[in-house]
Amino acid sequence: MIGARAARRRMDNARMLHDFVYLASASPRRAQLLAQAGIAFRPLLPDRDEDTETLEQERSGELPLAYVQRVALLKLGAARRRLTRRGLPPAPILCADTTVALGRRILGKPRDDEHAAATLRALSGRSHRVLTAVVVGHERLHHLATSTSRVRLAPLSEATIRHYVASGEPRGKAGAYAVQGRIAAWIEHLEGSYTGVVGLPLLETRTLLARTRVRLAP
């Protein structure tokens, strides 16, 4: 009798596991990192008429940590509505937001090439923080974690900045750079989570997914 109960509990626990997570992000880097970690996911991308840029607007006086966590939670709310609107099967939803902070100053995605160049000048030869907030939500619950890393760029000449901006790589990137791209040749020091700087800290992500009972590879 006891053996039968234990077997039923094991079967119930197995049924409670989720075979995949929805990734509510259009970032190819986040998709690549999930695939790299062997985490099964399905995209839950915004509709064409969704104003995703509004979610990332800063508030006056807002500190980087509060900002990145607030935006990640706003993205989760939008993704939950998207899931319901599309009538998709229920499953946990993964959202993330990354920002670069120079002291209390938030360095988001550059508005244009001139803004990108100005951001790179501000980071040249200095250390800054990269914060990525990750949130996993299922039904009415959510779990949130934030990765904070420190990065120091070597001094960048004007020619280097112009060449890098002309490559197009800074566009759509917080802090106007992609750590996995050309700028890697100018990174003097990185302390913390490399995958967090890329845009999705895998250690924190796996922890949150485990808490939400998403099936993970050993």
C-alpha atoms as a PDB file:
ATOM      1  CA  MET A   1       0.000   0.000   0.000  1.00  0.00           C
ATOM      2  CA  ILE A   2       2.809   2.377   0.950  1.00  0.00           C
ATOM      3  CA  GLY A   3       4.632   1.517  -2.261  1.00  0.00           C
ATOM      4  CA  ALA A   4       1.514   2.322  -4.309  1.00  0.00           C
ATOM      5  CA  ARG A   5       1.163   5.708  -2.600  1.00  0.00           C
ATOM      6  CA  ALA A   6       4.800   6.536  -3.262  1.00  0.00           C
ATOM      7  CA  ALA A   7       4.390   5.566  -6.888  1.00  0.00           C
ATOM      8  CA  ARG A   8       1.319   7.796  -7.198  1.00  0.00           C
ATOM      9  CA  ARG A   9       3.231  10.697  -5.614  1.00  0.00           C
ATOM     10  CA  ARG A  10       6.047  10.219  -8.112  1.00  0.00           C
ATOM     11  CA  MET A  11       3.558  10.187 -10.969  1.00  0.00           C
ATOM     12  CA  ASP A  12       1.846  13.329  -9.617  1.00  0.00           C
ATOM     13  CA  ASN A  13       5.190  15.097  -9.292  1.00  0.00           C
ATOM     14  CA  ALA A  14       6.124  14.135 -12.842  1.00  0.00           C
ATOM     15  CA  ARG A  15       2.831  15.522 -14.122  1.00  0.00           C
ATOM     16  CA  MET A  16       3.478  18.789 -12.306  1.00  0.00           C
ATOM     17  CA  LEU A  17       6.690  19.382 -14.233  1.00  0.00           C
ATOM     18  CA  HIS A  18       6.477  21.732 -17.216  1.00  0.00           C
ATOM     19  CA  ASP A  19       8.163  20.507 -20.382  1.00  0.00           C
ATOM     20  CA  PHE A  20       8.953  23.993 -21.679  1.00  0.00           C
ATOM     21  CA  VAL A  21       8.933  27.678 -20.845  1.00  0.00           C
ATOM     22  CA  TYR A  22       7.666  30.551 -22.979  1.00  0.00           C
ATOM     23  CA  LEU A  23      10.399  33.049 -23.833  1.00  0.00           C
ATOM     24  CA  ALA A  24       8.786  36.489 -24.084  1.00  0.00           C
ATOM     25  CA  SER A  25      11.750  38.157 -25.756  1.00  0.00           C
ATOM     26  CA  ALA A  26      12.756  38.874 -29.340  1.00  0.00           C
ATOM     27  CA  SER A  27      16.442  38.780 -28.375  1.00  0.00           C
ATOM     28  CA  PRO A  28      18.280  36.116 -30.387  1.00  0.00           C
ATOM     29  CA  ARG A  29      20.983  36.117 -27.712  1.00  0.00           C
ATOM     30  CA  ARG A  30      18.535  35.007 -25.001  1.00  0.00           C
ATOM     31  CA  ALA A  31      17.185  32.280 -27.256  1.00  0.00           C
ATOM     32  CA  GLN A  32      20.730  31.089 -27.966  1.00  0.00           C
ATOM     33  CA  LEU A  33      21.586  30.992 -24.269  1.00  0.00           C
ATOM     34  CA  LEU A  34      18.498  28.936 -23.418  1.00  0.00           C
ATOM     35  CA  ALA A  35      19.311  26.510 -26.222  1.00  0.00           C
ATOM     36  CA  GLN A  36      22.921  26.359 -25.014  1.00  0.00           C
ATOM     37  CA  ALA A  37      21.689  25.386 -21.543  1.00  0.00           C
ATOM     38  CA  GLY A  38      19.400  22.700 -22.953  1.00  0.00           C
ATOM     39  CA  ILE A  39      16.245  24.456 -21.779  1.00  0.00           C
ATOM     40  CA  ALA A  40      13.193  23.782 -23.938  1.00  0.00           C
ATOM     41  CA  PHE A  41      11.324  26.961 -24.822  1.00  0.00           C
ATOM     42  CA  ARG A  42       8.752  28.398 -27.168  1.00  0.00           C
ATOM     43  CA  PRO A  43       8.782  32.032 -28.341  1.00  0.00           C
ATOM     44  CA  LEU A  44       6.041  34.337 -27.105  1.00  0.00           C
ATOM     45  CA  LEU A  45       6.832  37.406 -29.171  1.00  0.00           C
ATOM     46  CA  PRO A  46       4.920  40.703 -29.053  1.00  0.00           C
ATOM     47  CA  ASP A  47       2.197  41.406 -31.580  1.00  0.00           C
ATOM     48  CA  ARG A  48       2.956  44.003 -34.227  1.00  0.00           C
ATOM     49  CA  ASP A  49       0.692  46.552 -32.593  1.00  0.00           C
ATOM     50  CA  GLU A  50       2.236  46.165 -29.119  1.00  0.00           C
ATOM     51  CA  ASP A  51       4.179  49.197 -27.936  1.00  0.00           C
ATOM     52  CA  THR A  52       7.071  47.425 -26.238  1.00  0.00           C
ATOM     53  CA  GLU A  53       9.275  50.543 -26.191  1.00  0.00           C
ATOM     54  CA  THR A  54       6.922  52.226 -23.727  1.00  0.00           C
ATOM     55  CA  LEU A  55       7.612  49.488 -21.183  1.00  0.00           C
ATOM     56  CA  GLU A  56      11.284  50.496 -21.106  1.00  0.00           C
ATOM     57  CA  GLN A  57      10.766  54.191 -20.449  1.00  0.00           C
ATOM     58  CA  GLU A  58      12.686  55.483 -17.426  1.00  0.00           C
ATOM     59  CA  ARG A  59      11.135  57.329 -14.511  1.00  0.00           C
ATOM     60  CA  SER A  60      12.697  60.477 -13.166  1.00  0.00           C
ATOM     61  CA  GLY A  61      15.139  59.717 -10.371  1.00  0.00           C
ATOM     62  CA  GLU A  62      14.747  55.947 -10.758  1.00  0.00           C
ATOM     63  CA  LEU A  63      17.785  53.905  -9.758  1.00  0.00           C
ATOM     64  CA  PRO A  64      19.128  51.215 -12.127  1.00  0.00           C
ATOM     65  CA  LEU A  65      18.138  48.237  -9.938  1.00  0.00           C
ATOM     66  CA  ALA A  66      14.571  49.456  -9.437  1.00  0.00           C
ATOM     67  CA  TYR A  67      14.342  50.268 -13.149  1.00  0.00           C
ATOM     68  CA  VAL A  68      15.483  46.897 -14.479  1.00  0.00           C
ATOM     69  CA  GLN A  69      13.265  44.945 -12.077  1.00  0.00           C
ATOM     70  CA  ARG A  70      10.225  47.090 -12.833  1.00  0.00           C
ATOM     71  CA  VAL A  71      10.666  46.699 -16.591  1.00  0.00           C
ATOM     72  CA  ALA A  72      11.087  42.917 -16.322  1.00  0.00           C
ATOM     73  CA  LEU A  73       7.813  42.713 -14.375  1.00  0.00           C
ATOM     74  CA  LEU A  74       6.045  44.950 -16.896  1.00  0.00           C
ATOM     75  CA  LYS A  75       7.226  42.622 -19.656  1.00  0.00           C
ATOM     76  CA  LEU A  76       5.805  39.665 -17.742  1.00  0.00           C
ATOM     77  CA  GLY A  77       2.441  41.385 -17.414  1.00  0.00           C
ATOM     78  CA  ALA A  78       2.354  42.090 -21.147  1.00  0.00           C
ATOM     79  CA  ALA A  79       3.363  38.495 -21.925  1.00  0.00           C
ATOM     80  CA  ARG A  80       0.637  37.073 -19.691  1.00  0.00           C
ATOM     81  CA  ARG A  81      -1.984  39.115 -21.514  1.00  0.00           C
ATOM     82  CA  ARG A  82      -0.503  37.957 -24.815  1.00  0.00           C
ATOM     83  CA  LEU A  83      -0.734  34.312 -23.767  1.00  0.00           C
ATOM     84  CA  THR A  84      -4.377  34.679 -22.760  1.00  0.00           C
ATOM     85  CA  ARG A  85      -5.245  36.639 -25.900  1.00  0.00           C
ATOM     86  CA  ARG A  86      -3.780  33.941 -28.142  1.00  0.00           C
ATOM     87  CA  GLY A  87      -5.367  31.061 -26.240  1.00  0.00           C
ATOM     88  CA  LEU A  88      -2.066  29.209 -25.926  1.00  0.00           C
ATOM     89  CA  PRO A  89      -1.507  26.267 -23.574  1.00  0.00           C
ATOM     90  CA  PRO A  90      -0.548  27.380 -20.057  1.00  0.00           C
ATOM     91  CA  ALA A  91       3.132  27.203 -19.146  1.00  0.00           C
ATOM     92  CA  PRO A  92       5.642  29.364 -17.257  1.00  0.00           C
ATOM     93  CA  ILE A  93       6.769  32.581 -18.950  1.00  0.00           C
ATOM     94  CA  LEU A  94      10.336  33.873 -18.886  1.00  0.00           C
ATOM     95  CA  CYS A  95      11.092  37.591 -19.271  1.00  0.00           C
ATOM     96  CA  ALA A  96      14.280  39.594 -18.785  1.00  0.00           C
ATOM     97  CA  ASP A  97      15.594  43.102 -19.027  1.00  0.00           C
ATOM     98  CA  THR A  98      19.176  44.339 -19.132  1.00  0.00           C
ATOM     99  CA  THR A  99      20.544  47.785 -18.460  1.00  0.00           C
ATOM    100  CA  VAL A 100      23.956  49.371 -18.073  1.00  0.00           C
ATOM    101  CA  ALA A 101      24.597  51.683 -15.145  1.00  0.00           C
ATOM    102  CA  LEU A 102      27.357  54.236 -14.765  1.00  0.00           C
ATOM    103  CA  GLY A 103      26.976  55.151 -11.125  1.00  0.00           C
ATOM    104  CA  ARG A 104      23.307  56.089 -10.691  1.00  0.00           C
ATOM    105  CA  ARG A 105      22.960  56.875 -14.397  1.00  0.00           C
ATOM    106  CA  ILE A 106      21.017  54.427 -16.593  1.00  0.00           C
ATOM    107  CA  LEU A 107      22.536  53.880 -20.040  1.00  0.00           C
ATOM    108  CA  GLY A 108      19.811  52.249 -22.084  1.00  0.00           C
ATOM    109  CA  LYS A 109      19.546  51.527 -25.766  1.00  0.00           C
ATOM    110  CA  PRO A 110      20.927  54.378 -27.891  1.00  0.00           C
ATOM    111  CA  ARG A 111      18.417  56.524 -29.747  1.00  0.00           C
ATOM    112  CA  ASP A 112      20.711  56.890 -32.753  1.00  0.00           C
ATOM    113  CA  ASP A 113      24.367  56.612 -33.769  1.00  0.00           C
ATOM    114  CA  GLU A 114      25.280  59.941 -32.170  1.00  0.00           C
ATOM    115  CA  HIS A 115      23.788  58.817 -28.873  1.00  0.00           C
ATOM    116  CA  ALA A 116      25.638  55.501 -29.172  1.00  0.00           C
ATOM    117  CA  ALA A 117      28.950  57.312 -29.655  1.00  0.00           C
ATOM    118  CA  ALA A 118      28.293  59.534 -26.636  1.00  0.00           C
ATOM    119  CA  THR A 119      27.492  56.463 -24.510  1.00  0.00           C
ATOM    120  CA  LEU A 120      30.719  54.736 -25.550  1.00  0.00           C
ATOM    121  CA  ARG A 121      32.727  57.874 -24.728  1.00  0.00           C
ATOM    122  CA  ALA A 122      31.187  57.853 -21.242  1.00  0.00           C
ATOM    123  CA  LEU A 123      32.164  54.191 -20.750  1.00  0.00           C
ATOM    124  CA  SER A 124      35.651  54.516 -22.238  1.00  0.00           C
ATOM    125  CA  GLY A 125      38.353  53.629 -19.707  1.00  0.00           C
ATOM    126  CA  ARG A 126      35.836  53.271 -16.864  1.00  0.00           C
ATOM    127  CA  SER A 127      34.076  50.533 -14.940  1.00  0.00           C
ATOM    128  CA  HIS A 128      30.310  50.182 -15.071  1.00  0.00           C
ATOM    129  CA  ARG A 129      27.621  47.762 -13.932  1.00  0.00           C
ATOM    130  CA  VAL A 130      25.448  45.540 -16.091  1.00  0.00           C
ATOM    131  CA  LEU A 131      22.181  44.542 -14.440  1.00  0.00           C
ATOM    132  CA  THR A 132      19.879  41.862 -15.812  1.00  0.00           C
ATOM    133  CA  ALA A 133      16.593  41.126 -14.081  1.00  0.00           C
ATOM    134  CA  VAL A 134      15.006  37.756 -14.831  1.00  0.00           C
ATOM    135  CA  VAL A 135      11.444  36.873 -13.927  1.00  0.00           C
ATOM    136  CA  VAL A 136       9.555  33.612 -14.387  1.00  0.00           C
ATOM    137  CA  GLY A 137       5.812  33.700 -13.930  1.00  0.00           C
ATOM    138  CA  HIS A 138       3.176  30.990 -13.909  1.00  0.00           C
ATOM    139  CA  GLU A 139      -0.489  31.514 -13.148  1.00  0.00           C
ATOM    140  CA  ARG A 140      -0.578  34.253 -10.476  1.00  0.00           C
ATOM    141  CA  LEU A 141       2.894  33.645  -9.072  1.00  0.00           C
ATOM    142  CA  HIS A 142       6.289  34.905 -10.182  1.00  0.00           C
ATOM    143  CA  HIS A 143       9.906  34.578  -9.096  1.00  0.00           C
ATOM    144  CA  LEU A 144      12.433  37.344  -9.716  1.00  0.00           C
ATOM    145  CA  ALA A 145      16.242  37.461  -9.584  1.00  0.00           C
ATOM    146  CA  THR A 146      18.784  40.075 -10.633  1.00  0.00           C
ATOM    147  CA  SER A 147      22.351  39.550 -11.785  1.00  0.00           C
ATOM    148  CA  THR A 148      24.827  42.409 -11.364  1.00  0.00           C
ATOM    149  CA  SER A 149      28.214  42.299 -13.076  1.00  0.00           C
ATOM    150  CA  ARG A 150      31.039  44.811 -13.395  1.00  0.00           C
ATOM    151  CA  VAL A 151      32.730  45.520 -16.691  1.00  0.00           C
ATOM    152  CA  ARG A 152      35.672  47.789 -17.448  1.00  0.00           C
ATOM    153  CA  LEU A 153      36.362  48.977 -20.973  1.00  0.00           C
ATOM    154  CA  ALA A 154      39.820  50.024 -22.086  1.00  0.00           C
ATOM    155  CA  PRO A 155      40.149  53.602 -23.312  1.00  0.00           C
ATOM    156  CA  LEU A 156      38.477  53.918 -26.718  1.00  0.00           C
ATOM    157  CA  SER A 157      39.851  56.280 -29.330  1.00  0.00           C
ATOM    158  CA  GLU A 158      37.487  58.386 -31.419  1.00  0.00           C
ATOM    159  CA  ALA A 159      38.433  56.302 -34.454  1.00  0.00           C
ATOM    160  CA  THR A 160      37.554  53.097 -32.582  1.00  0.00           C
ATOM    161  CA  ILE A 161      34.218  54.528 -31.452  1.00  0.00           C
ATOM    162  CA  ARG A 162      33.339  55.727 -34.950  1.00  0.00           C
ATOM    163  CA  HIS A 163      34.271  52.377 -36.476  1.00  0.00           C
ATOM    164  CA  TYR A 164      32.281  50.434 -33.873  1.00  0.00           C
ATOM    165  CA  VAL A 165      29.202  52.628 -34.230  1.00  0.00           C
ATOM    166  CA  ALA A 166      29.397  52.315 -38.028  1.00  0.00           C
ATOM    167  CA  SER A 167      29.310  48.516 -37.658  1.00  0.00           C
ATOM    168  CA  GLY A 168      25.727  48.810 -36.400  1.00  0.00           C
ATOM    169  CA  GLU A 169      26.413  46.580 -33.418  1.00  0.00           C
ATOM    170  CA  PRO A 170      25.502  49.187 -30.751  1.00  0.00           C
ATOM    171  CA  ARG A 171      21.940  49.553 -32.079  1.00  0.00           C
ATOM    172  CA  GLY A 172      19.333  48.083 -29.764  1.00  0.00           C
ATOM    173  CA  LYS A 173      21.931  47.272 -27.092  1.00  0.00           C
ATOM    174  CA  ALA A 174      21.875  48.642 -23.555  1.00  0.00           C
ATOM    175  CA  GLY A 175      25.047  50.642 -23.055  1.00  0.00           C
ATOM    176  CA  ALA A 176      25.572  50.711 -26.837  1.00  0.00           C
ATOM    177  CA  TYR A 177      27.644  47.533 -26.957  1.00  0.00           C
ATOM    178  CA  ALA A 178      27.394  43.750 -27.203  1.00  0.00           C
ATOM    179  CA  VAL A 179      29.908  41.948 -24.993  1.00  0.00           C
ATOM    180  CA  GLN A 180      29.940  38.945 -27.321  1.00  0.00           C
ATOM    181  CA  GLY A 181      30.739  41.110 -30.347  1.00  0.00           C
ATOM    182  CA  ARG A 182      33.563  43.296 -31.588  1.00  0.00           C
ATOM    183  CA  ILE A 183      33.815  45.279 -28.368  1.00  0.00           C
ATOM    184  CA  ALA A 184      35.208  42.167 -26.640  1.00  0.00           C
ATOM    185  CA  ALA A 185      38.689  43.209 -27.802  1.00  0.00           C
ATOM    186  CA  TRP A 186      38.444  46.297 -25.532  1.00  0.00           C
ATOM    187  CA  ILE A 187      37.149  44.637 -22.360  1.00  0.00           C
ATOM    188  CA  GLU A 188      39.822  44.881 -19.680  1.00  0.00           C
ATOM    189  CA  HIS A 189      37.915  43.180 -16.888  1.00  0.00           C
ATOM    190  CA  LEU A 190      34.602  41.418 -16.316  1.00  0.00           C
ATOM    191  CA  GLU A 191      33.517  40.407 -12.830  1.00  0.00           C
ATOM    192  CA  GLY A 192      30.284  38.497 -12.374  1.00  0.00           C
ATOM    193  CA  SER A 193      28.113  36.658 -14.876  1.00  0.00           C
ATOM    194  CA  TYR A 194      29.191  36.712 -18.509  1.00  0.00           C
ATOM    195  CA  THR A 195      25.799  35.378 -19.610  1.00  0.00           C
ATOM    196  CA  GLY A 196      24.177  38.082 -17.483  1.00  0.00           C
ATOM    197  CA  VAL A 197      26.098  40.718 -19.435  1.00  0.00           C
ATOM    198  CA  VAL A 198      25.001  39.042 -22.688  1.00  0.00           C
ATOM    199  CA  GLY A 199      21.392  39.352 -21.500  1.00  0.00           C
ATOM    200  CA  LEU A 200      20.311  36.234 -19.586  1.00  0.00           C
ATOM    201  CA  PRO A 201      22.237  34.988 -16.518  1.00  0.00           C
ATOM    202  CA  LEU A 202      21.935  31.231 -16.829  1.00  0.00           C
ATOM    203  CA  LEU A 203      22.599  30.348 -13.193  1.00  0.00           C
ATOM    204  CA  GLU A 204      19.808  32.600 -11.927  1.00  0.00           C
ATOM    205  CA  THR A 205      17.562  31.532 -14.802  1.00  0.00           C
ATOM    206  CA  ARG A 206      17.949  27.814 -14.040  1.00  0.00           C
ATOM    207  CA  THR A 207      17.244  28.497 -10.357  1.00  0.00           C
ATOM    208  CA  LEU A 208      14.024  30.343 -11.144  1.00  0.00           C
ATOM    209  CA  LEU A 209      12.894  27.712 -13.647  1.00  0.00           C
ATOM    210  CA  ALA A 210      13.523  24.954 -11.096  1.00  0.00           C
ATOM    211  CA  ARG A 211      11.395  26.828  -8.554  1.00  0.00           C
ATOM    212  CA  THR A 212       8.636  27.025 -11.168  1.00  0.00           C
ATOM    213  CA  ARG A 213       9.016  23.276 -11.859  1.00  0.00           C
ATOM    214  CA  VAL A 214      10.219  23.541 -15.446  1.00  0.00           C
ATOM    215  CA  ARG A 215      11.919  20.337 -16.556  1.00  0.00           C
ATOM    216  CA  LEU A 216      15.687  20.895 -16.749  1.00  0.00           C
ATOM    217  CA  ALA A 217      18.497  18.767 -18.099  1.00  0.00           C
ATOM    218  CA  PRO A 218      20.836  17.386 -15.388  1.00  0.00           C
END
